Amino acid sequence: MTDLMRWMYEHYIRPQIESQPKDFGEAMQLDLLNNELDANLQKTLQAVLAFYSVQGFRLGVRTGAALQSELSQETKYLGSTCSHSHTPFSEQ
């Protein structure tokens, strides 16, 4: 993980994830897991969670950029092929 991604995880991604509301079942599962793991396994779990969280974040950024590019191209295409001389609800 790069320094930038480590910083993003610590200062943005993890706080966002941790601030999400959890229902009783989710809170119970997290509590049970934390109570069962020793200190070394908790550290390993945190590293694995950081890895997958950053990968999910990067995927979201790439997907958003691709969608934005695709939508802007589609909008340009539609704008050049549409005729603005009629309205969709005009009487015939």
PDB file of N, CA and C in Angstrom:
ATOM      1  N   MET A   1       0.862  -1.172   0.000  1.00  0.00           N
ATOM      2  CA  MET A   1       0.000   0.000   0.000  1.00  0.00           C
ATOM      3  C   MET A   1       0.905   1.230   0.000  1.00  0.00           C
ATOM      4  N   THR A   2       0.608   2.172  -0.874  1.00  0.00           N
ATOM      5  CA  THR A   2       1.416   3.388  -0.951  1.00  0.00           C
ATOM      6  C   THR A   2       1.154   4.274   0.268  1.00  0.00           C
ATOM      7  N   ASP A   3       2.047   5.223   0.478  1.00  0.00           N
ATOM      8  CA  ASP A   3       1.863   6.156   1.594  1.00  0.00           C
ATOM      9  C   ASP A   3       0.561   6.934   1.457  1.00  0.00           C
ATOM     10  N   LEU A   4       0.224   7.322   0.219  1.00  0.00           N
ATOM     11  CA  LEU A   4      -1.020   8.056  -0.001  1.00  0.00           C
ATOM     12  C   LEU A   4      -2.226   7.196   0.378  1.00  0.00           C
ATOM     13  N   MET A   5      -2.232   5.955  -0.063  1.00  0.00           N
ATOM     14  CA  MET A   5      -3.364   5.081   0.246  1.00  0.00           C
ATOM     15  C   MET A   5      -3.425   4.764   1.743  1.00  0.00           C
ATOM     16  N   ARG A   6      -2.285   4.631   2.373  1.00  0.00           N
ATOM     17  CA  ARG A   6      -2.260   4.408   3.829  1.00  0.00           C
ATOM     18  C   ARG A   6      -2.865   5.619   4.549  1.00  0.00           C
ATOM     19  N   TRP A   7      -2.490   6.831   4.091  1.00  0.00           N
ATOM     20  CA  TRP A   7      -3.028   8.046   4.689  1.00  0.00           C
ATOM     21  C   TRP A   7      -4.535   8.131   4.438  1.00  0.00           C
ATOM     22  N   MET A   8      -4.955   7.856   3.199  1.00  0.00           N
ATOM     23  CA  MET A   8      -6.385   7.888   2.869  1.00  0.00           C
ATOM     24  C   MET A   8      -7.155   6.904   3.737  1.00  0.00           C
ATOM     25  N   TYR A   9      -6.585   5.711   3.949  1.00  0.00           N
ATOM     26  CA  TYR A   9      -7.268   4.717   4.774  1.00  0.00           C
ATOM     27  C   TYR A   9      -7.416   5.220   6.206  1.00  0.00           C
ATOM     28  N   GLU A  10      -6.331   5.712   6.764  1.00  0.00           N
ATOM     29  CA  GLU A  10      -6.351   6.154   8.166  1.00  0.00           C
ATOM     30  C   GLU A  10      -7.228   7.386   8.391  1.00  0.00           C
ATOM     31  N   HIS A  11      -7.245   8.314   7.439  1.00  0.00           N
ATOM     32  CA  HIS A  11      -7.921   9.598   7.653  1.00  0.00           C
ATOM     33  C   HIS A  11      -9.269   9.739   6.963  1.00  0.00           C
ATOM     34  N   TYR A  12      -9.595   8.865   6.016  1.00  0.00           N
ATOM     35  CA  TYR A  12     -10.867   9.002   5.311  1.00  0.00           C
ATOM     36  C   TYR A  12     -11.649   7.690   5.246  1.00  0.00           C
ATOM     37  N   ILE A  13     -11.032   6.656   4.698  1.00  0.00           N
ATOM     38  CA  ILE A  13     -11.766   5.413   4.436  1.00  0.00           C
ATOM     39  C   ILE A  13     -12.220   4.745   5.737  1.00  0.00           C
ATOM     40  N   ARG A  14     -11.286   4.478   6.637  1.00  0.00           N
ATOM     41  CA  ARG A  14     -11.659   3.804   7.890  1.00  0.00           C
ATOM     42  C   ARG A  14     -12.653   4.608   8.725  1.00  0.00           C
ATOM     43  N   PRO A  15     -12.452   5.935   8.903  1.00  0.00           N
ATOM     44  CA  PRO A  15     -13.469   6.688   9.655  1.00  0.00           C
ATOM     45  C   PRO A  15     -14.852   6.631   9.008  1.00  0.00           C
ATOM     46  N   GLN A  16     -14.904   6.640   7.677  1.00  0.00           N
ATOM     47  CA  GLN A  16     -16.188   6.534   6.996  1.00  0.00           C
ATOM     48  C   GLN A  16     -16.837   5.187   7.278  1.00  0.00           C
ATOM     49  N   ILE A  17     -16.064   4.126   7.199  1.00  0.00           N
ATOM     50  CA  ILE A  17     -16.596   2.785   7.449  1.00  0.00           C
ATOM     51  C   ILE A  17     -17.051   2.656   8.902  1.00  0.00           C
ATOM     52  N   GLU A  18     -16.218   3.110   9.828  1.00  0.00           N
ATOM     53  CA  GLU A  18     -16.541   2.979  11.249  1.00  0.00           C
ATOM     54  C   GLU A  18     -17.725   3.834  11.666  1.00  0.00           C
ATOM     55  N   SER A  19     -18.002   4.899  10.925  1.00  0.00           N
ATOM     56  CA  SER A  19     -19.119   5.778  11.305  1.00  0.00           C
ATOM     57  C   SER A  19     -20.468   5.256  10.811  1.00  0.00           C
ATOM     58  N   GLN A  20     -20.457   4.218  10.002  1.00  0.00           N
ATOM     59  CA  GLN A  20     -21.717   3.673   9.494  1.00  0.00           C
ATOM     60  C   GLN A  20     -22.465   2.964  10.620  1.00  0.00           C
ATOM     61  N   PRO A  21     -23.774   3.156  10.692  1.00  0.00           N
ATOM     62  CA  PRO A  21     -24.545   2.495  11.750  1.00  0.00           C
ATOM     63  C   PRO A  21     -24.530   0.975  11.567  1.00  0.00           C
ATOM     64  N   LYS A  22     -24.494   0.290  12.679  1.00  0.00           N
ATOM     65  CA  LYS A  22     -24.514  -1.167  12.677  1.00  0.00           C
ATOM     66  C   LYS A  22     -25.765  -1.633  13.413  1.00  0.00           C
ATOM     67  N   ASP A  23     -26.413  -2.643  12.863  1.00  0.00           N
ATOM     68  CA  ASP A  23     -27.551  -3.187  13.586  1.00  0.00           C
ATOM     69  C   ASP A  23     -27.037  -4.128  14.686  1.00  0.00           C
ATOM     70  N   PHE A  24     -27.935  -4.655  15.471  1.00  0.00           N
ATOM     71  CA  PHE A  24     -27.546  -5.485  16.608  1.00  0.00           C
ATOM     72  C   PHE A  24     -26.733  -6.694  16.170  1.00  0.00           C
ATOM     73  N   GLY A  25     -27.148  -7.353  15.103  1.00  0.00           N
ATOM     74  CA  GLY A  25     -26.452  -8.546  14.627  1.00  0.00           C
ATOM     75  C   GLY A  25     -25.037  -8.252  14.175  1.00  0.00           C
ATOM     76  N   GLU A  26     -24.867  -7.159  13.448  1.00  0.00           N
ATOM     77  CA  GLU A  26     -23.525  -6.784  12.995  1.00  0.00           C
ATOM     78  C   GLU A  26     -22.628  -6.427  14.176  1.00  0.00           C
ATOM     79  N   ALA A  27     -23.159  -5.670  15.117  1.00  0.00           N
ATOM     80  CA  ALA A  27     -22.382  -5.295  16.301  1.00  0.00           C
ATOM     81  C   ALA A  27     -21.991  -6.527  17.098  1.00  0.00           C
ATOM     82  N   MET A  28     -22.899  -7.497  17.204  1.00  0.00           N
ATOM     83  CA  MET A  28     -22.617  -8.737  17.939  1.00  0.00           C
ATOM     84  C   MET A  28     -21.502  -9.527  17.246  1.00  0.00           C
ATOM     85  N   GLN A  29     -21.579  -9.644  15.930  1.00  0.00           N
ATOM     86  CA  GLN A  29     -20.548 -10.381  15.195  1.00  0.00           C
ATOM     87  C   GLN A  29     -19.175  -9.735  15.358  1.00  0.00           C
ATOM     88  N   LEU A  30     -19.117  -8.419  15.250  1.00  0.00           N
ATOM     89  CA  LEU A  30     -17.842  -7.728  15.417  1.00  0.00           C
ATOM     90  C   LEU A  30     -17.293  -7.900  16.823  1.00  0.00           C
ATOM     91  N   ASP A  31     -18.155  -7.815  17.807  1.00  0.00           N
ATOM     92  CA  ASP A  31     -17.736  -7.981  19.193  1.00  0.00           C
ATOM     93  C   ASP A  31     -17.223  -9.398  19.443  1.00  0.00           C
ATOM     94  N   LEU A  32     -17.946 -10.398  18.941  1.00  0.00           N
ATOM     95  CA  LEU A  32     -17.503 -11.786  19.098  1.00  0.00           C
ATOM     96  C   LEU A  32     -16.150 -12.017  18.447  1.00  0.00           C
ATOM     97  N   LEU A  33     -15.968 -11.489  17.248  1.00  0.00           N
ATOM     98  CA  LEU A  33     -14.701 -11.664  16.547  1.00  0.00           C
ATOM     99  C   LEU A  33     -13.560 -11.018  17.323  1.00  0.00           C
ATOM    100  N   ASN A  34     -13.760  -9.789  17.767  1.00  0.00           N
ATOM    101  CA  ASN A  34     -12.700  -9.106  18.513  1.00  0.00           C
ATOM    102  C   ASN A  34     -12.376  -9.803  19.828  1.00  0.00           C
ATOM    103  N   ASN A  35     -13.367 -10.407  20.475  1.00  0.00           N
ATOM    104  CA  ASN A  35     -13.124 -11.112  21.736  1.00  0.00           C
ATOM    105  C   ASN A  35     -12.407 -12.442  21.532  1.00  0.00           C
ATOM    106  N   GLU A  36     -12.557 -13.049  20.358  1.00  0.00           N
ATOM    107  CA  GLU A  36     -11.946 -14.353  20.092  1.00  0.00           C
ATOM    108  C   GLU A  36     -10.506 -14.258  19.609  1.00  0.00           C
ATOM    109  N   LEU A  37     -10.137 -13.163  18.977  1.00  0.00           N
ATOM    110  CA  LEU A  37      -8.806 -13.050  18.384  1.00  0.00           C
ATOM    111  C   LEU A  37      -7.784 -12.554  19.396  1.00  0.00           C
ATOM    112  N   ASP A  38      -6.602 -13.160  19.344  1.00  0.00           N
ATOM    113  CA  ASP A  38      -5.527 -12.636  20.190  1.00  0.00           C
ATOM    114  C   ASP A  38      -4.952 -11.383  19.524  1.00  0.00           C
ATOM    115  N   ALA A  39      -4.018 -10.722  20.171  1.00  0.00           N
ATOM    116  CA  ALA A  39      -3.496  -9.438  19.692  1.00  0.00           C
ATOM    117  C   ALA A  39      -2.867  -9.553  18.297  1.00  0.00           C
ATOM    118  N   ASN A  40      -2.130 -10.648  18.049  1.00  0.00           N
ATOM    119  CA  ASN A  40      -1.499 -10.810  16.735  1.00  0.00           C
ATOM    120  C   ASN A  40      -2.541 -10.998  15.640  1.00  0.00           C
ATOM    121  N   LEU A  41      -3.562 -11.792  15.902  1.00  0.00           N
ATOM    122  CA  LEU A  41      -4.607 -11.999  14.902  1.00  0.00           C
ATOM    123  C   LEU A  41      -5.446 -10.748  14.686  1.00  0.00           C
ATOM    124  N   GLN A  42      -5.657  -9.964  15.729  1.00  0.00           N
ATOM    125  CA  GLN A  42      -6.371  -8.693  15.560  1.00  0.00           C
ATOM    126  C   GLN A  42      -5.579  -7.754  14.657  1.00  0.00           C
ATOM    127  N   LYS A  43      -4.254  -7.731  14.836  1.00  0.00           N
ATOM    128  CA  LYS A  43      -3.406  -6.903  13.990  1.00  0.00           C
ATOM    129  C   LYS A  43      -3.464  -7.381  12.537  1.00  0.00           C
ATOM    130  N   THR A  44      -3.432  -8.704  12.351  1.00  0.00           N
ATOM    131  CA  THR A  44      -3.538  -9.268  11.007  1.00  0.00           C
ATOM    132  C   THR A  44      -4.888  -8.936  10.390  1.00  0.00           C
ATOM    133  N   LEU A  45      -5.954  -9.069  11.162  1.00  0.00           N
ATOM    134  CA  LEU A  45      -7.290  -8.738  10.674  1.00  0.00           C
ATOM    135  C   LEU A  45      -7.355  -7.277  10.244  1.00  0.00           C
ATOM    136  N   GLN A  46      -6.781  -6.380  11.030  1.00  0.00           N
ATOM    137  CA  GLN A  46      -6.793  -4.961  10.674  1.00  0.00           C
ATOM    138  C   GLN A  46      -6.035  -4.706   9.373  1.00  0.00           C
ATOM    139  N   ALA A  47      -4.929  -5.407   9.154  1.00  0.00           N
ATOM    140  CA  ALA A  47      -4.166  -5.263   7.908  1.00  0.00           C
ATOM    141  C   ALA A  47      -4.972  -5.768   6.719  1.00  0.00           C
ATOM    142  N   VAL A  48      -5.660  -6.888   6.894  1.00  0.00           N
ATOM    143  CA  VAL A  48      -6.488  -7.443   5.816  1.00  0.00           C
ATOM    144  C   VAL A  48      -7.655  -6.505   5.513  1.00  0.00           C
ATOM    145  N   LEU A  49      -8.306  -5.990   6.550  1.00  0.00           N
ATOM    146  CA  LEU A  49      -9.402  -5.047   6.346  1.00  0.00           C
ATOM    147  C   LEU A  49      -8.922  -3.784   5.635  1.00  0.00           C
ATOM    148  N   ALA A  50      -7.751  -3.293   6.001  1.00  0.00           N
ATOM    149  CA  ALA A  50      -7.191  -2.105   5.342  1.00  0.00           C
ATOM    150  C   ALA A  50      -6.940  -2.393   3.869  1.00  0.00           C
ATOM    151  N   PHE A  51      -6.364  -3.557   3.570  1.00  0.00           N
ATOM    152  CA  PHE A  51      -6.088  -3.915   2.180  1.00  0.00           C
ATOM    153  C   PHE A  51      -7.368  -3.937   1.354  1.00  0.00           C
ATOM    154  N   TYR A  52      -8.373  -4.666   1.828  1.00  0.00           N
ATOM    155  CA  TYR A  52      -9.608  -4.778   1.059  1.00  0.00           C
ATOM    156  C   TYR A  52     -10.374  -3.452   1.001  1.00  0.00           C
ATOM    157  N   SER A  53     -10.316  -2.662   2.040  1.00  0.00           N
ATOM    158  CA  SER A  53     -10.980  -1.355   2.026  1.00  0.00           C
ATOM    159  C   SER A  53     -10.348  -0.441   0.988  1.00  0.00           C
ATOM    160  N   VAL A  54      -9.032  -0.422   0.929  1.00  0.00           N
ATOM    161  CA  VAL A  54      -8.336   0.423  -0.047  1.00  0.00           C
ATOM    162  C   VAL A  54      -8.611  -0.063  -1.460  1.00  0.00           C
ATOM    163  N   GLN A  55      -8.623  -1.386  -1.657  1.00  0.00           N
ATOM    164  CA  GLN A  55      -8.921  -1.910  -2.991  1.00  0.00           C
ATOM    165  C   GLN A  55     -10.336  -1.536  -3.422  1.00  0.00           C
ATOM    166  N   GLY A  56     -11.282  -1.609  -2.498  1.00  0.00           N
ATOM    167  CA  GLY A  56     -12.655  -1.206  -2.796  1.00  0.00           C
ATOM    168  C   GLY A  56     -12.743   0.275  -3.107  1.00  0.00           C
ATOM    169  N   PHE A  57     -12.018   1.090  -2.365  1.00  0.00           N
ATOM    170  CA  PHE A  57     -11.993   2.530  -2.608  1.00  0.00           C
ATOM    171  C   PHE A  57     -11.424   2.824  -3.989  1.00  0.00           C
ATOM    172  N   ARG A  58     -10.299   2.188  -4.324  1.00  0.00           N
ATOM    173  CA  ARG A  58      -9.669   2.398  -5.637  1.00  0.00           C
ATOM    174  C   ARG A  58     -10.596   1.949  -6.758  1.00  0.00           C
ATOM    175  N   LEU A  59     -11.289   0.843  -6.565  1.00  0.00           N
ATOM    176  CA  LEU A  59     -12.243   0.376  -7.560  1.00  0.00           C
ATOM    177  C   LEU A  59     -13.359   1.404  -7.749  1.00  0.00           C
ATOM    178  N   GLY A  60     -13.838   1.960  -6.655  1.00  0.00           N
ATOM    179  CA  GLY A  60     -14.884   2.981  -6.735  1.00  0.00           C
ATOM    180  C   GLY A  60     -14.416   4.218  -7.471  1.00  0.00           C
ATOM    181  N   VAL A  61     -13.184   4.642  -7.231  1.00  0.00           N
ATOM    182  CA  VAL A  61     -12.646   5.815  -7.920  1.00  0.00           C
ATOM    183  C   VAL A  61     -12.519   5.524  -9.414  1.00  0.00           C
ATOM    184  N   ARG A  62     -11.968   4.354  -9.758  1.00  0.00           N
ATOM    185  CA  ARG A  62     -11.824   4.008 -11.182  1.00  0.00           C
ATOM    186  C   ARG A  62     -13.188   3.882 -11.861  1.00  0.00           C
ATOM    187  N   THR A  63     -14.138   3.278 -11.182  1.00  0.00           N
ATOM    188  CA  THR A  63     -15.477   3.118 -11.748  1.00  0.00           C
ATOM    189  C   THR A  63     -16.130   4.482 -11.948  1.00  0.00           C
ATOM    190  N   GLY A  64     -16.017   5.350 -10.956  1.00  0.00           N
ATOM    191  CA  GLY A  64     -16.582   6.688 -11.072  1.00  0.00           C
ATOM    192  C   GLY A  64     -15.959   7.471 -12.210  1.00  0.00           C
ATOM    193  N   ALA A  65     -14.645   7.378 -12.365  1.00  0.00           N
ATOM    194  CA  ALA A  65     -13.970   8.085 -13.456  1.00  0.00           C
ATOM    195  C   ALA A  65     -14.409   7.532 -14.806  1.00  0.00           C
ATOM    196  N   ALA A  66     -14.510   6.215 -14.915  1.00  0.00           N
ATOM    197  CA  ALA A  66     -14.935   5.599 -16.177  1.00  0.00           C
ATOM    198  C   ALA A  66     -16.377   5.979 -16.506  1.00  0.00           C
ATOM    199  N   LEU A  67     -17.254   5.949 -15.508  1.00  0.00           N
ATOM    200  CA  LEU A  67     -18.648   6.330 -15.742  1.00  0.00           C
ATOM    201  C   LEU A  67     -18.766   7.790 -16.141  1.00  0.00           C
ATOM    202  N   GLN A  68     -18.012   8.644 -15.487  1.00  0.00           N
ATOM    203  CA  GLN A  68     -18.056  10.066 -15.807  1.00  0.00           C
ATOM    204  C   GLN A  68     -17.612  10.291 -17.245  1.00  0.00           C
ATOM    205  N   SER A  69     -16.550   9.619 -17.651  1.00  0.00           N
ATOM    206  CA  SER A  69     -16.065   9.739 -19.021  1.00  0.00           C
ATOM    207  C   SER A  69     -17.092   9.203 -20.012  1.00  0.00           C
ATOM    208  N   GLU A  70     -17.648   8.040 -19.704  1.00  0.00           N
ATOM    209  CA  GLU A  70     -18.645   7.419 -20.580  1.00  0.00           C
ATOM    210  C   GLU A  70     -19.897   8.286 -20.689  1.00  0.00           C
ATOM    211  N   LEU A  71     -20.372   8.803 -19.576  1.00  0.00           N
ATOM    212  CA  LEU A  71     -21.575   9.626 -19.590  1.00  0.00           C
ATOM    213  C   LEU A  71     -21.355  10.945 -20.315  1.00  0.00           C
ATOM    214  N   SER A  72     -20.171  11.539 -20.166  1.00  0.00           N
ATOM    215  CA  SER A  72     -19.922  12.797 -20.865  1.00  0.00           C
ATOM    216  C   SER A  72     -19.844  12.568 -22.369  1.00  0.00           C
ATOM    217  N   GLN A  73     -19.288  11.432 -22.801  1.00  0.00           N
ATOM    218  CA  GLN A  73     -19.258  11.110 -24.230  1.00  0.00           C
ATOM    219  C   GLN A  73     -20.670  10.858 -24.743  1.00  0.00           C
ATOM    220  N   GLU A  74     -21.480  10.150 -23.957  1.00  0.00           N
ATOM    221  CA  GLU A  74     -22.854   9.861 -24.360  1.00  0.00           C
ATOM    222  C   GLU A  74     -23.669  11.146 -24.456  1.00  0.00           C
ATOM    223  N   THR A  75     -23.461  12.049 -23.514  1.00  0.00           N
ATOM    224  CA  THR A  75     -24.171  13.319 -23.520  1.00  0.00           C
ATOM    225  C   THR A  75     -23.793  14.133 -24.757  1.00  0.00           C
ATOM    226  N   LYS A  76     -22.500  14.143 -25.109  1.00  0.00           N
ATOM    227  CA  LYS A  76     -22.065  14.851 -26.304  1.00  0.00           C
ATOM    228  C   LYS A  76     -22.706  14.241 -27.540  1.00  0.00           C
ATOM    229  N   TYR A  77     -22.753  12.905 -27.598  1.00  0.00           N
ATOM    230  CA  TYR A  77     -23.354  12.217 -28.739  1.00  0.00           C
ATOM    231  C   TYR A  77     -24.838  12.526 -28.833  1.00  0.00           C
ATOM    232  N   LEU A  78     -25.537  12.424 -27.723  1.00  0.00           N
ATOM    233  CA  LEU A  78     -26.976  12.700 -27.733  1.00  0.00           C
ATOM    234  C   LEU A  78     -27.261  14.150 -28.084  1.00  0.00           C
ATOM    235  N   GLY A  79     -26.444  15.046 -27.597  1.00  0.00           N
ATOM    236  CA  GLY A  79     -26.632  16.457 -27.887  1.00  0.00           C
ATOM    237  C   GLY A  79     -26.458  16.767 -29.365  1.00  0.00           C
ATOM    238  N   SER A  80     -25.593  16.024 -30.052  1.00  0.00           N
ATOM    239  CA  SER A  80     -25.364  16.289 -31.470  1.00  0.00           C
ATOM    240  C   SER A  80     -26.401  15.619 -32.361  1.00  0.00           C
ATOM    241  N   THR A  81     -27.145  14.638 -31.840  1.00  0.00           N
ATOM    242  CA  THR A  81     -28.124  13.930 -32.665  1.00  0.00           C
ATOM    243  C   THR A  81     -29.560  14.312 -32.357  1.00  0.00           C
ATOM    244  N   CYS A  82     -29.793  15.047 -31.269  1.00  0.00           N
ATOM    245  CA  CYS A  82     -31.159  15.408 -30.889  1.00  0.00           C
ATOM    246  C   CYS A  82     -31.581  16.700 -31.570  1.00  0.00           C
ATOM    247  N   SER A  83     -32.819  16.723 -31.946  1.00  0.00           N
ATOM    248  CA  SER A  83     -33.397  17.948 -32.478  1.00  0.00           C
ATOM    249  C   SER A  83     -34.165  18.610 -31.344  1.00  0.00           C
ATOM    250  N   HIS A  84     -33.932  19.880 -31.138  1.00  0.00           N
ATOM    251  CA  HIS A  84     -34.596  20.597 -30.054  1.00  0.00           C
ATOM    252  C   HIS A  84     -35.812  21.364 -30.555  1.00  0.00           C
ATOM    253  N   SER A  85     -36.325  20.995 -31.748  1.00  0.00           N
ATOM    254  CA  SER A  85     -37.441  21.735 -32.319  1.00  0.00           C
ATOM    255  C   SER A  85     -38.793  21.269 -31.818  1.00  0.00           C
ATOM    256  N   HIS A  86     -38.845  20.203 -31.054  1.00  0.00           N
ATOM    257  CA  HIS A  86     -40.126  19.740 -30.523  1.00  0.00           C
ATOM    258  C   HIS A  86     -39.968  19.388 -29.046  1.00  0.00           C
ATOM    259  N   THR A  87     -41.083  19.339 -28.368  1.00  0.00           N
ATOM    260  CA  THR A  87     -41.079  18.936 -26.976  1.00  0.00           C
ATOM    261  C   THR A  87     -41.760  17.582 -26.883  1.00  0.00           C
ATOM    262  N   PRO A  88     -41.382  16.764 -25.922  1.00  0.00           N
ATOM    263  CA  PRO A  88     -41.944  15.416 -25.856  1.00  0.00           C
ATOM    264  C   PRO A  88     -43.438  15.378 -25.528  1.00  0.00           C
ATOM    265  N   PHE A  89     -44.005  16.448 -24.958  1.00  0.00           N
ATOM    266  CA  PHE A  89     -45.410  16.423 -24.551  1.00  0.00           C
ATOM    267  C   PHE A  89     -46.274  17.346 -25.411  1.00  0.00           C
ATOM    268  N   SER A  90     -45.789  17.694 -26.602  1.00  0.00           N
ATOM    269  CA  SER A  90     -46.588  18.590 -27.443  1.00  0.00           C
ATOM    270  C   SER A  90     -47.781  17.849 -28.030  1.00  0.00           C
ATOM    271  N   GLU A  91     -48.841  18.593 -28.326  1.00  0.00           N
ATOM    272  CA  GLU A  91     -50.038  17.983 -28.916  1.00  0.00           C
ATOM    273  C   GLU A  91     -49.764  17.633 -30.367  1.00  0.00           C
ATOM    274  N   GLN A  92     -50.340  16.551 -30.829  1.00  0.00           N
ATOM    275  CA  GLN A  92     -50.124  16.113 -32.207  1.00  0.00           C
ATOM    276  C   GLN A  92     -51.300  16.432 -33.060  1.00  0.00           C
TER     277      GLN A  92
END
